[in-house]
Amino acid sequence: MEETEYRGHVVVLPYPSQGHINPLLQFAKRLASKGVKATIATTRYTLKSIWTANVGVEPISDGFDESGFAQAKNVDLFLKSFKANGSRTLSELIQKFQDSGSPVSCVVYDSFFPWALDVAKQHGIYGAPFFTNSATVSHIFCLIHHGKLSLPLKLETTPLIIPGLPPLNFPDLPSFLKLPESYPAYLAMKLSQFSNLDMADWIFSNTFEELEAEVCDQHHHYQLSC
Protein backbone atom coordinates (compact mmCIF):
# COMPACT_ATOMS: atom_id res chain seq x y z
CA MET A 1 0.00 0.00 0.00
CA GLU A 2 1.47 3.35 -1.03
CA GLU A 3 2.08 5.93 1.66
CA THR A 4 0.11 9.15 1.24
CA GLU A 5 2.13 12.10 0.00
CA TYR A 6 1.36 15.18 2.07
CA ARG A 7 2.06 18.85 1.37
CA GLY A 8 3.58 19.20 4.83
CA HIS A 9 2.95 18.09 8.40
CA VAL A 10 1.50 20.51 10.95
CA VAL A 11 1.25 19.72 14.65
CA VAL A 12 -1.64 21.69 16.18
CA LEU A 13 -1.44 22.34 19.94
CA PRO A 14 -4.63 23.56 21.69
CA TYR A 15 -5.06 24.72 25.27
CA PRO A 16 -6.99 21.83 26.91
CA SER A 17 -10.42 23.40 27.29
CA GLN A 18 -13.41 23.08 24.98
CA GLY A 19 -13.44 26.70 23.82
CA HIS A 20 -9.83 26.36 22.68
CA ILE A 21 -9.84 22.78 21.40
CA ASN A 22 -12.78 23.29 19.03
CA PRO A 23 -11.40 26.16 16.89
CA LEU A 24 -7.97 24.53 16.64
CA LEU A 25 -9.54 21.19 15.75
CA GLN A 26 -11.53 22.88 12.98
CA PHE A 27 -8.32 24.49 11.78
CA ALA A 28 -6.59 21.08 11.72
CA LYS A 29 -9.49 19.63 9.71
CA ARG A 30 -9.17 22.50 7.25
CA LEU A 31 -5.47 21.80 6.83
CA ALA A 32 -6.19 18.10 6.23
CA SER A 33 -8.74 19.00 3.56
CA LYS A 34 -5.96 20.83 1.70
CA GLY A 35 -3.65 17.82 1.62
CA VAL A 36 -1.61 18.70 4.70
CA LYS A 37 -0.96 16.06 7.34
CA ALA A 38 -2.44 17.45 10.57
CA THR A 39 -1.79 16.09 14.04
CA ILE A 40 -3.48 17.37 17.20
CA ALA A 41 -1.11 17.30 20.19
CA THR A 42 -3.22 17.20 23.33
CA THR A 43 -2.87 16.33 26.99
CA ARG A 44 -3.18 12.68 27.95
CA TYR A 45 -6.43 13.22 29.89
CA THR A 46 -8.17 14.83 26.88
CA LEU A 47 -6.81 12.34 24.34
CA LYS A 48 -9.88 10.09 24.19
CA SER A 49 -12.30 13.01 23.80
CA ILE A 50 -10.81 14.13 20.46
CA TRP A 51 -11.40 12.23 17.25
CA THR A 52 -11.97 13.24 13.69
CA ALA A 53 -11.31 11.60 10.35
CA ASN A 54 -8.08 12.54 8.57
CA VAL A 55 -6.54 14.23 11.63
CA GLY A 56 -4.11 12.39 13.90
CA VAL A 57 -4.11 12.76 17.68
CA GLU A 58 -0.97 12.38 19.78
CA PRO A 59 -0.42 12.83 23.54
CA ILE A 60 1.78 15.35 25.29
CA SER A 61 1.97 15.94 29.04
CA ASP A 62 1.13 18.88 31.27
CA GLY A 63 2.53 17.02 34.28
CA PHE A 64 -0.94 16.13 35.56
CA ASP A 65 -1.90 13.27 33.29
CA GLU A 66 -4.90 11.99 35.27
CA SER A 67 -7.09 15.10 35.21
CA GLY A 68 -5.07 18.21 34.39
CA PHE A 69 -6.01 21.38 36.22
CA ALA A 70 -8.47 19.52 38.46
CA GLN A 71 -5.48 17.51 39.67
CA ALA A 72 -3.15 20.50 39.99
CA LYS A 73 -5.72 22.66 41.85
CA ASN A 74 -3.49 25.72 41.44
CA VAL A 75 -3.37 27.92 38.35
CA ASP A 76 0.25 29.01 38.69
CA LEU A 77 1.45 25.45 39.39
CA PHE A 78 -0.55 24.08 36.45
CA LEU A 79 0.79 26.61 33.95
CA LYS A 80 4.42 26.23 35.08
CA SER A 81 4.12 22.45 34.94
CA PHE A 82 2.53 22.63 31.48
CA LYS A 83 5.41 24.76 30.19
CA ALA A 84 8.07 22.40 31.56
CA ASN A 85 6.42 19.09 30.66
CA GLY A 86 4.72 20.36 27.52
CA SER A 87 7.99 21.68 26.06
CA ARG A 88 9.71 18.36 26.70
CA THR A 89 6.95 16.12 25.34
CA LEU A 90 6.20 18.35 22.33
CA SER A 91 9.88 18.12 21.45
CA GLU A 92 9.71 14.34 21.79
CA LEU A 93 6.65 14.26 19.51
CA ILE A 94 8.42 16.28 16.82
CA GLN A 95 11.42 13.96 17.13
CA LYS A 96 9.14 10.92 16.84
CA PHE A 97 8.14 11.96 13.31
CA GLN A 98 11.62 13.12 12.31
CA ASP A 99 12.62 9.91 10.55
CA SER A 100 9.15 9.07 9.23
CA GLY A 101 7.83 9.79 5.76
CA SER A 102 6.16 12.95 7.10
CA PRO A 103 8.43 14.90 9.46
CA VAL A 104 6.82 17.86 11.21
CA SER A 105 7.27 21.08 9.24
CA CYS A 106 5.26 23.50 11.42
CA VAL A 107 3.72 23.84 14.89
CA VAL A 108 0.50 25.88 15.16
CA TYR A 109 -0.03 26.45 18.85
CA ASP A 110 -2.63 28.08 21.05
CA SER A 111 -1.32 31.58 21.72
CA PHE A 112 -1.47 30.79 25.46
CA PHE A 113 1.64 28.62 24.87
CA PRO A 114 4.40 30.92 23.54
CA TRP A 115 6.93 28.31 24.72
CA ALA A 116 5.75 26.08 21.84
CA LEU A 117 7.31 28.56 19.40
CA ASP A 118 10.64 28.15 21.18
CA VAL A 119 10.34 24.36 20.77
CA ALA A 120 9.57 24.71 17.06
CA LYS A 121 12.58 26.97 16.50
CA GLN A 122 14.84 24.58 18.41
CA HIS A 123 13.89 21.96 15.81
CA GLY A 124 14.37 24.34 12.90
CA ILE A 125 10.70 24.30 11.82
CA TYR A 126 7.99 26.90 11.36
CA GLY A 127 5.89 28.11 14.29
CA ALA A 128 2.67 30.11 14.36
CA PRO A 129 0.34 31.15 17.20
CA PHE A 130 -3.43 30.73 16.88
CA PHE A 131 -5.41 33.34 18.85
CA THR A 132 -8.74 31.87 19.91
CA ASN A 133 -9.91 35.20 21.34
CA SER A 134 -11.40 37.79 19.01
CA ALA A 135 -9.00 40.19 17.31
CA THR A 136 -10.41 43.00 19.44
CA VAL A 137 -9.64 41.26 22.74
CA SER A 138 -6.22 40.16 21.50
CA HIS A 139 -5.39 43.71 20.41
CA ILE A 140 -6.32 45.14 23.81
CA PHE A 141 -4.10 42.63 25.63
CA CYS A 142 -1.31 43.33 23.14
CA LEU A 143 -1.46 47.05 23.89
CA ILE A 144 -1.23 46.30 27.61
CA HIS A 145 1.71 43.95 27.07
CA HIS A 146 3.61 46.67 25.19
CA GLY A 147 2.81 49.33 27.79
CA LYS A 148 0.46 51.32 25.54
CA LEU A 149 -2.35 50.76 28.05
CA SER A 150 -1.91 50.29 31.80
CA LEU A 151 -3.95 48.47 34.40
CA PRO A 152 -6.22 49.13 36.11
CA LEU A 153 -8.05 50.92 33.31
CA LYS A 154 -9.73 54.16 34.46
CA LEU A 155 -13.07 54.39 32.67
CA GLU A 156 -15.27 56.07 35.26
CA THR A 157 -15.82 59.22 33.18
CA THR A 158 -14.57 58.53 29.65
CA PRO A 159 -14.63 55.38 27.49
CA LEU A 160 -11.54 53.58 26.22
CA ILE A 161 -10.64 54.84 22.73
CA ILE A 162 -8.60 52.50 20.52
CA PRO A 163 -8.17 53.09 16.76
CA GLY A 164 -10.33 50.69 14.75
CA LEU A 165 -12.78 50.12 17.61
CA PRO A 166 -15.92 51.88 18.85
CA PRO A 167 -15.64 53.57 22.26
CA LEU A 168 -15.45 50.88 24.97
CA ASN A 169 -17.01 51.30 28.39
CA PHE A 170 -16.29 49.22 31.49
CA PRO A 171 -19.00 46.56 30.78
CA ASP A 172 -17.53 46.01 27.28
CA LEU A 173 -14.14 44.83 28.56
CA PRO A 174 -12.92 41.25 29.16
CA SER A 175 -13.32 40.11 32.78
CA PHE A 176 -9.54 39.91 33.27
CA LEU A 177 -9.34 43.67 32.68
CA LYS A 178 -12.28 44.56 34.89
CA LEU A 179 -10.71 42.85 37.91
CA PRO A 180 -7.04 42.25 37.02
CA GLU A 181 -6.14 41.30 40.58
CA SER A 182 -8.64 38.41 40.63
CA TYR A 183 -6.75 36.00 38.35
CA PRO A 184 -3.10 37.13 38.29
CA ALA A 185 -1.71 33.87 36.83
CA TYR A 186 -4.25 33.81 33.98
CA LEU A 187 -3.72 37.52 33.31
CA ALA A 188 0.04 36.93 33.11
CA MET A 189 -0.60 34.07 30.70
CA LYS A 190 -2.76 36.25 28.46
CA LEU A 191 -0.11 38.97 28.37
CA SER A 192 2.67 36.45 27.67
CA GLN A 193 0.98 35.58 24.35
CA PHE A 194 2.89 38.46 22.77
CA SER A 195 6.30 37.80 24.31
CA ASN A 196 7.96 36.27 21.24
CA LEU A 197 5.62 37.09 18.34
CA ASP A 198 8.52 38.62 16.44
CA MET A 199 9.85 35.05 15.99
CA ALA A 200 6.57 33.68 14.59
CA ASP A 201 6.31 32.81 10.91
CA TRP A 202 2.55 33.48 10.73
CA ILE A 203 -0.17 34.68 13.11
CA PHE A 204 -3.66 33.17 12.96
CA SER A 205 -6.76 34.72 14.53
CA ASN A 206 -10.14 33.07 15.07
CA THR A 207 -12.29 35.83 13.60
CA PHE A 208 -14.19 37.04 10.52
CA GLU A 209 -12.54 39.87 8.63
CA GLU A 210 -15.99 41.30 7.85
CA LEU A 211 -16.64 41.70 11.59
CA GLU A 212 -13.25 43.00 12.71
CA ALA A 213 -11.60 44.35 9.56
CA GLU A 214 -10.48 47.66 11.09
CA VAL A 215 -9.03 46.25 14.29
CA CYS A 216 -7.34 43.41 12.34
CA ASP A 217 -5.68 46.03 10.16
CA GLN A 218 -4.65 48.10 13.19
CA HIS A 219 -3.32 45.02 14.99
CA HIS A 220 -1.34 43.93 11.91
CA HIS A 221 0.32 47.32 11.47
CA TYR A 222 0.97 47.62 15.20
CA GLN A 223 2.73 44.24 15.29
CA LEU A 224 4.88 45.20 12.31
CA SER A 225 5.89 48.48 13.95
CA CYS A 226 6.90 46.83 17.23
C-alpha atoms as a PDB file:
ATOM      1  CA  MET A   1       0.000   0.000   0.000  1.00  0.00           C
ATOM      2  CA  GLU A   2       1.475   3.351  -1.031  1.00  0.00           C
ATOM      3  CA  GLU A   3       2.080   5.930   1.658  1.00  0.00           C
ATOM      4  CA  THR A   4       0.109   9.149   1.236  1.00  0.00           C
ATOM      5  CA  GLU A   5       2.133  12.103  -0.004  1.00  0.00           C
ATOM      6  CA  TYR A   6       1.359  15.182   2.070  1.00  0.00           C
ATOM      7  CA  ARG A   7       2.061  18.845   1.367  1.00  0.00           C
ATOM      8  CA  GLY A   8       3.580  19.204   4.831  1.00  0.00           C
ATOM      9  CA  HIS A   9       2.946  18.094   8.398  1.00  0.00           C
ATOM     10  CA  VAL A  10       1.505  20.509  10.951  1.00  0.00           C
ATOM     11  CA  VAL A  11       1.248  19.724  14.649  1.00  0.00           C
ATOM     12  CA  VAL A  12      -1.642  21.692  16.185  1.00  0.00           C
ATOM     13  CA  LEU A  13      -1.436  22.338  19.938  1.00  0.00           C
ATOM     14  CA  PRO A  14      -4.626  23.564  21.690  1.00  0.00           C
ATOM     15  CA  TYR A  15      -5.062  24.721  25.275  1.00  0.00           C
ATOM     16  CA  PRO A  16      -6.986  21.834  26.911  1.00  0.00           C
ATOM     17  CA  SER A  17     -10.416  23.402  27.292  1.00  0.00           C
ATOM     18  CA  GLN A  18     -13.413  23.084  24.982  1.00  0.00           C
ATOM     19  CA  GLY A  19     -13.444  26.698  23.819  1.00  0.00           C
ATOM     20  CA  HIS A  20      -9.828  26.357  22.678  1.00  0.00           C
ATOM     21  CA  ILE A  21      -9.844  22.780  21.403  1.00  0.00           C
ATOM     22  CA  ASN A  22     -12.784  23.288  19.027  1.00  0.00           C
ATOM     23  CA  PRO A  23     -11.402  26.164  16.885  1.00  0.00           C
ATOM     24  CA  LEU A  24      -7.968  24.528  16.645  1.00  0.00           C
ATOM     25  CA  LEU A  25      -9.540  21.190  15.750  1.00  0.00           C
ATOM     26  CA  GLN A  26     -11.535  22.882  12.982  1.00  0.00           C
ATOM     27  CA  PHE A  27      -8.320  24.490  11.780  1.00  0.00           C
ATOM     28  CA  ALA A  28      -6.590  21.080  11.720  1.00  0.00           C
ATOM     29  CA  LYS A  29      -9.490  19.629   9.713  1.00  0.00           C
ATOM     30  CA  ARG A  30      -9.172  22.502   7.249  1.00  0.00           C
ATOM     31  CA  LEU A  31      -5.473  21.796   6.831  1.00  0.00           C
ATOM     32  CA  ALA A  32      -6.193  18.096   6.235  1.00  0.00           C
ATOM     33  CA  SER A  33      -8.742  18.996   3.560  1.00  0.00           C
ATOM     34  CA  LYS A  34      -5.964  20.826   1.696  1.00  0.00           C
ATOM     35  CA  GLY A  35      -3.646  17.820   1.616  1.00  0.00           C
ATOM     36  CA  VAL A  36      -1.607  18.701   4.699  1.00  0.00           C
ATOM     37  CA  LYS A  37      -0.964  16.055   7.345  1.00  0.00           C
ATOM     38  CA  ALA A  38      -2.436  17.449  10.569  1.00  0.00           C
ATOM     39  CA  THR A  39      -1.789  16.092  14.042  1.00  0.00           C
ATOM     40  CA  ILE A  40      -3.478  17.372  17.199  1.00  0.00           C
ATOM     41  CA  ALA A  41      -1.110  17.302  20.191  1.00  0.00           C
ATOM     42  CA  THR A  42      -3.224  17.203  23.333  1.00  0.00           C
ATOM     43  CA  THR A  43      -2.872  16.327  26.989  1.00  0.00           C
ATOM     44  CA  ARG A  44      -3.185  12.676  27.945  1.00  0.00           C
ATOM     45  CA  TYR A  45      -6.426  13.216  29.886  1.00  0.00           C
ATOM     46  CA  THR A  46      -8.172  14.830  26.877  1.00  0.00           C
ATOM     47  CA  LEU A  47      -6.806  12.335  24.337  1.00  0.00           C
ATOM     48  CA  LYS A  48      -9.885  10.090  24.190  1.00  0.00           C
ATOM     49  CA  SER A  49     -12.296  13.006  23.798  1.00  0.00           C
ATOM     50  CA  ILE A  50     -10.811  14.128  20.458  1.00  0.00           C
ATOM     51  CA  TRP A  51     -11.404  12.233  17.252  1.00  0.00           C
ATOM     52  CA  THR A  52     -11.967  13.244  13.693  1.00  0.00           C
ATOM     53  CA  ALA A  53     -11.309  11.601  10.352  1.00  0.00           C
ATOM     54  CA  ASN A  54      -8.085  12.541   8.574  1.00  0.00           C
ATOM     55  CA  VAL A  55      -6.545  14.227  11.633  1.00  0.00           C
ATOM     56  CA  GLY A  56      -4.107  12.388  13.897  1.00  0.00           C
ATOM     57  CA  VAL A  57      -4.114  12.760  17.683  1.00  0.00           C
ATOM     58  CA  GLU A  58      -0.966  12.380  19.779  1.00  0.00           C
ATOM     59  CA  PRO A  59      -0.423  12.833  23.541  1.00  0.00           C
ATOM     60  CA  ILE A  60       1.782  15.347  25.291  1.00  0.00           C
ATOM     61  CA  SER A  61       1.972  15.939  29.045  1.00  0.00           C
ATOM     62  CA  ASP A  62       1.133  18.879  31.269  1.00  0.00           C
ATOM     63  CA  GLY A  63       2.527  17.019  34.282  1.00  0.00           C
ATOM     64  CA  PHE A  64      -0.942  16.129  35.564  1.00  0.00           C
ATOM     65  CA  ASP A  65      -1.901  13.266  33.293  1.00  0.00           C
ATOM     66  CA  GLU A  66      -4.904  11.985  35.269  1.00  0.00           C
ATOM     67  CA  SER A  67      -7.094  15.099  35.215  1.00  0.00           C
ATOM     68  CA  GLY A  68      -5.074  18.205  34.389  1.00  0.00           C
ATOM     69  CA  PHE A  69      -6.013  21.382  36.218  1.00  0.00           C
ATOM     70  CA  ALA A  70      -8.469  19.517  38.463  1.00  0.00           C
ATOM     71  CA  GLN A  71      -5.484  17.508  39.665  1.00  0.00           C
ATOM     72  CA  ALA A  72      -3.150  20.502  39.988  1.00  0.00           C
ATOM     73  CA  LYS A  73      -5.717  22.655  41.853  1.00  0.00           C
ATOM     74  CA  ASN A  74      -3.494  25.717  41.441  1.00  0.00           C
ATOM     75  CA  VAL A  75      -3.367  27.917  38.349  1.00  0.00           C
ATOM     76  CA  ASP A  76       0.253  29.005  38.694  1.00  0.00           C
ATOM     77  CA  LEU A  77       1.449  25.454  39.395  1.00  0.00           C
ATOM     78  CA  PHE A  78      -0.548  24.078  36.445  1.00  0.00           C
ATOM     79  CA  LEU A  79       0.792  26.610  33.950  1.00  0.00           C
ATOM     80  CA  LYS A  80       4.417  26.234  35.084  1.00  0.00           C
ATOM     81  CA  SER A  81       4.119  22.449  34.936  1.00  0.00           C
ATOM     82  CA  PHE A  82       2.531  22.633  31.481  1.00  0.00           C
ATOM     83  CA  LYS A  83       5.414  24.764  30.190  1.00  0.00           C
ATOM     84  CA  ALA A  84       8.073  22.396  31.559  1.00  0.00           C
ATOM     85  CA  ASN A  85       6.421  19.089  30.655  1.00  0.00           C
ATOM     86  CA  GLY A  86       4.720  20.363  27.517  1.00  0.00           C
ATOM     87  CA  SER A  87       7.988  21.675  26.064  1.00  0.00           C
ATOM     88  CA  ARG A  88       9.709  18.358  26.701  1.00  0.00           C
ATOM     89  CA  THR A  89       6.955  16.116  25.342  1.00  0.00           C
ATOM     90  CA  LEU A  90       6.201  18.348  22.332  1.00  0.00           C
ATOM     91  CA  SER A  91       9.881  18.122  21.449  1.00  0.00           C
ATOM     92  CA  GLU A  92       9.707  14.336  21.792  1.00  0.00           C
ATOM     93  CA  LEU A  93       6.647  14.259  19.511  1.00  0.00           C
ATOM     94  CA  ILE A  94       8.425  16.284  16.819  1.00  0.00           C
ATOM     95  CA  GLN A  95      11.419  13.964  17.128  1.00  0.00           C
ATOM     96  CA  LYS A  96       9.143  10.922  16.843  1.00  0.00           C
ATOM     97  CA  PHE A  97       8.142  11.965  13.312  1.00  0.00           C
ATOM     98  CA  GLN A  98      11.621  13.116  12.309  1.00  0.00           C
ATOM     99  CA  ASP A  99      12.624   9.908  10.549  1.00  0.00           C
ATOM    100  CA  SER A 100       9.148   9.073   9.228  1.00  0.00           C
ATOM    101  CA  GLY A 101       7.833   9.786   5.765  1.00  0.00           C
ATOM    102  CA  SER A 102       6.160  12.946   7.097  1.00  0.00           C
ATOM    103  CA  PRO A 103       8.434  14.901   9.461  1.00  0.00           C
ATOM    104  CA  VAL A 104       6.818  17.860  11.211  1.00  0.00           C
ATOM    105  CA  SER A 105       7.270  21.080   9.242  1.00  0.00           C
ATOM    106  CA  CYS A 106       5.261  23.497  11.422  1.00  0.00           C
ATOM    107  CA  VAL A 107       3.723  23.843  14.888  1.00  0.00           C
ATOM    108  CA  VAL A 108       0.504  25.877  15.159  1.00  0.00           C
ATOM    109  CA  TYR A 109      -0.032  26.453  18.851  1.00  0.00           C
ATOM    110  CA  ASP A 110      -2.635  28.075  21.053  1.00  0.00           C
ATOM    111  CA  SER A 111      -1.316  31.578  21.719  1.00  0.00           C
ATOM    112  CA  PHE A 112      -1.469  30.790  25.460  1.00  0.00           C
ATOM    113  CA  PHE A 113       1.640  28.621  24.868  1.00  0.00           C
ATOM    114  CA  PRO A 114       4.403  30.919  23.543  1.00  0.00           C
ATOM    115  CA  TRP A 115       6.928  28.311  24.721  1.00  0.00           C
ATOM    116  CA  ALA A 116       5.750  26.082  21.841  1.00  0.00           C
ATOM    117  CA  LEU A 117       7.307  28.560  19.401  1.00  0.00           C
ATOM    118  CA  ASP A 118      10.640  28.150  21.182  1.00  0.00           C
ATOM    119  CA  VAL A 119      10.344  24.363  20.774  1.00  0.00           C
ATOM    120  CA  ALA A 120       9.571  24.707  17.057  1.00  0.00           C
ATOM    121  CA  LYS A 121      12.578  26.970  16.497  1.00  0.00           C
ATOM    122  CA  GLN A 122      14.841  24.580  18.406  1.00  0.00           C
ATOM    123  CA  HIS A 123      13.891  21.955  15.815  1.00  0.00           C
ATOM    124  CA  GLY A 124      14.374  24.342  12.895  1.00  0.00           C
ATOM    125  CA  ILE A 125      10.704  24.299  11.821  1.00  0.00           C
ATOM    126  CA  TYR A 126       7.994  26.904  11.364  1.00  0.00           C
ATOM    127  CA  GLY A 127       5.894  28.111  14.289  1.00  0.00           C
ATOM    128  CA  ALA A 128       2.666  30.105  14.359  1.00  0.00           C
ATOM    129  CA  PRO A 129       0.336  31.153  17.203  1.00  0.00           C
ATOM    130  CA  PHE A 130      -3.430  30.732  16.884  1.00  0.00           C
ATOM    131  CA  PHE A 131      -5.408  33.336  18.848  1.00  0.00           C
ATOM    132  CA  THR A 132      -8.744  31.869  19.915  1.00  0.00           C
ATOM    133  CA  ASN A 133      -9.913  35.203  21.341  1.00  0.00           C
ATOM    134  CA  SER A 134     -11.402  37.787  19.011  1.00  0.00           C
ATOM    135  CA  ALA A 135      -9.002  40.185  17.306  1.00  0.00           C
ATOM    136  CA  THR A 136     -10.410  43.002  19.442  1.00  0.00           C
ATOM    137  CA  VAL A 137      -9.645  41.259  22.738  1.00  0.00           C
ATOM    138  CA  SER A 138      -6.221  40.159  21.497  1.00  0.00           C
ATOM    139  CA  HIS A 139      -5.385  43.705  20.413  1.00  0.00           C
ATOM    140  CA  ILE A 140      -6.317  45.143  23.813  1.00  0.00           C
ATOM    141  CA  PHE A 141      -4.105  42.635  25.633  1.00  0.00           C
ATOM    142  CA  CYS A 142      -1.312  43.328  23.136  1.00  0.00           C
ATOM    143  CA  LEU A 143      -1.462  47.049  23.895  1.00  0.00           C
ATOM    144  CA  ILE A 144      -1.230  46.297  27.614  1.00  0.00           C
ATOM    145  CA  HIS A 145       1.714  43.946  27.069  1.00  0.00           C
ATOM    146  CA  HIS A 146       3.615  46.667  25.191  1.00  0.00           C
ATOM    147  CA  GLY A 147       2.812  49.334  27.787  1.00  0.00           C
ATOM    148  CA  LYS A 148       0.464  51.316  25.541  1.00  0.00           C
ATOM    149  CA  LEU A 149      -2.351  50.756  28.055  1.00  0.00           C
ATOM    150  CA  SER A 150      -1.914  50.288  31.796  1.00  0.00           C
ATOM    151  CA  LEU A 151      -3.946  48.471  34.404  1.00  0.00           C
ATOM    152  CA  PRO A 152      -6.216  49.128  36.109  1.00  0.00           C
ATOM    153  CA  LEU A 153      -8.049  50.925  33.312  1.00  0.00           C
ATOM    154  CA  LYS A 154      -9.726  54.161  34.460  1.00  0.00           C
ATOM    155  CA  LEU A 155     -13.066  54.390  32.671  1.00  0.00           C
ATOM    156  CA  GLU A 156     -15.267  56.074  35.258  1.00  0.00           C
ATOM    157  CA  THR A 157     -15.821  59.224  33.180  1.00  0.00           C
ATOM    158  CA  THR A 158     -14.567  58.531  29.649  1.00  0.00           C
ATOM    159  CA  PRO A 159     -14.631  55.380  27.488  1.00  0.00           C
ATOM    160  CA  LEU A 160     -11.543  53.578  26.221  1.00  0.00           C
ATOM    161  CA  ILE A 161     -10.643  54.839  22.734  1.00  0.00           C
ATOM    162  CA  ILE A 162      -8.602  52.504  20.524  1.00  0.00           C
ATOM    163  CA  PRO A 163      -8.174  53.086  16.756  1.00  0.00           C
ATOM    164  CA  GLY A 164     -10.330  50.693  14.749  1.00  0.00           C
ATOM    165  CA  LEU A 165     -12.783  50.122  17.615  1.00  0.00           C
ATOM    166  CA  PRO A 166     -15.921  51.877  18.845  1.00  0.00           C
ATOM    167  CA  PRO A 167     -15.643  53.571  22.261  1.00  0.00           C
ATOM    168  CA  LEU A 168     -15.451  50.882  24.965  1.00  0.00           C
ATOM    169  CA  ASN A 169     -17.009  51.302  28.394  1.00  0.00           C
ATOM    170  CA  PHE A 170     -16.292  49.223  31.488  1.00  0.00           C
ATOM    171  CA  PRO A 171     -18.998  46.561  30.780  1.00  0.00           C
ATOM    172  CA  ASP A 172     -17.525  46.009  27.284  1.00  0.00           C
ATOM    173  CA  LEU A 173     -14.141  44.831  28.564  1.00  0.00           C
ATOM    174  CA  PRO A 174     -12.920  41.250  29.165  1.00  0.00           C
ATOM    175  CA  SER A 175     -13.318  40.111  32.778  1.00  0.00           C
ATOM    176  CA  PHE A 176      -9.540  39.914  33.270  1.00  0.00           C
ATOM    177  CA  LEU A 177      -9.344  43.667  32.675  1.00  0.00           C
ATOM    178  CA  LYS A 178     -12.280  44.560  34.888  1.00  0.00           C
ATOM    179  CA  LEU A 179     -10.709  42.846  37.907  1.00  0.00           C
ATOM    180  CA  PRO A 180      -7.037  42.252  37.017  1.00  0.00           C
ATOM    181  CA  GLU A 181      -6.139  41.295  40.575  1.00  0.00           C
ATOM    182  CA  SER A 182      -8.643  38.406  40.631  1.00  0.00           C
ATOM    183  CA  TYR A 183      -6.753  35.997  38.350  1.00  0.00           C
ATOM    184  CA  PRO A 184      -3.096  37.132  38.289  1.00  0.00           C
ATOM    185  CA  ALA A 185      -1.708  33.870  36.826  1.00  0.00           C
ATOM    186  CA  TYR A 186      -4.245  33.805  33.980  1.00  0.00           C
ATOM    187  CA  LEU A 187      -3.721  37.519  33.309  1.00  0.00           C
ATOM    188  CA  ALA A 188       0.044  36.932  33.111  1.00  0.00           C
ATOM    189  CA  MET A 189      -0.603  34.070  30.695  1.00  0.00           C
ATOM    190  CA  LYS A 190      -2.760  36.253  28.463  1.00  0.00           C
ATOM    191  CA  LEU A 191      -0.114  38.969  28.365  1.00  0.00           C
ATOM    192  CA  SER A 192       2.669  36.452  27.671  1.00  0.00           C
ATOM    193  CA  GLN A 193       0.981  35.578  24.350  1.00  0.00           C
ATOM    194  CA  PHE A 194       2.893  38.460  22.768  1.00  0.00           C
ATOM    195  CA  SER A 195       6.303  37.802  24.311  1.00  0.00           C
ATOM    196  CA  ASN A 196       7.960  36.274  21.237  1.00  0.00           C
ATOM    197  CA  LEU A 197       5.620  37.092  18.345  1.00  0.00           C
ATOM    198  CA  ASP A 198       8.525  38.623  16.444  1.00  0.00           C
ATOM    199  CA  MET A 199       9.850  35.054  15.989  1.00  0.00           C
ATOM    200  CA  ALA A 200       6.571  33.682  14.589  1.00  0.00           C
ATOM    201  CA  ASP A 201       6.311  32.809  10.911  1.00  0.00           C
ATOM    202  CA  TRP A 202       2.546  33.481  10.735  1.00  0.00           C
ATOM    203  CA  ILE A 203      -0.169  34.678  13.108  1.00  0.00           C
ATOM    204  CA  PHE A 204      -3.665  33.165  12.955  1.00  0.00           C
ATOM    205  CA  SER A 205      -6.760  34.716  14.533  1.00  0.00           C
ATOM    206  CA  ASN A 206     -10.142  33.071  15.069  1.00  0.00           C
ATOM    207  CA  THR A 207     -12.293  35.829  13.600  1.00  0.00           C
ATOM    208  CA  PHE A 208     -14.194  37.044  10.522  1.00  0.00           C
ATOM    209  CA  GLU A 209     -12.544  39.870   8.633  1.00  0.00           C
ATOM    210  CA  GLU A 210     -15.986  41.301   7.852  1.00  0.00           C
ATOM    211  CA  LEU A 211     -16.645  41.705  11.589  1.00  0.00           C
ATOM    212  CA  GLU A 212     -13.251  43.005  12.710  1.00  0.00           C
ATOM    213  CA  ALA A 213     -11.599  44.346   9.561  1.00  0.00           C
ATOM    214  CA  GLU A 214     -10.481  47.656  11.089  1.00  0.00           C
ATOM    215  CA  VAL A 215      -9.030  46.246  14.291  1.00  0.00           C
ATOM    216  CA  CYS A 216      -7.340  43.412  12.344  1.00  0.00           C
ATOM    217  CA  ASP A 217      -5.678  46.026  10.160  1.00  0.00           C
ATOM    218  CA  GLN A 218      -4.654  48.099  13.190  1.00  0.00           C
ATOM    219  CA  HIS A 219      -3.316  45.018  14.993  1.00  0.00           C
ATOM    220  CA  HIS A 220      -1.344  43.927  11.908  1.00  0.00           C
ATOM    221  CA  HIS A 221       0.319  47.317  11.469  1.00  0.00           C
ATOM    222  CA  TYR A 222       0.971  47.621  15.203  1.00  0.00           C
ATOM    223  CA  GLN A 223       2.731  44.245  15.289  1.00  0.00           C
ATOM    224  CA  LEU A 224       4.881  45.196  12.307  1.00  0.00           C
ATOM    225  CA  SER A 225       5.886  48.480  13.950  1.00  0.00           C
ATOM    226  CA  CYS A 226       6.903  46.835  17.234  1.00  0.00           C
END
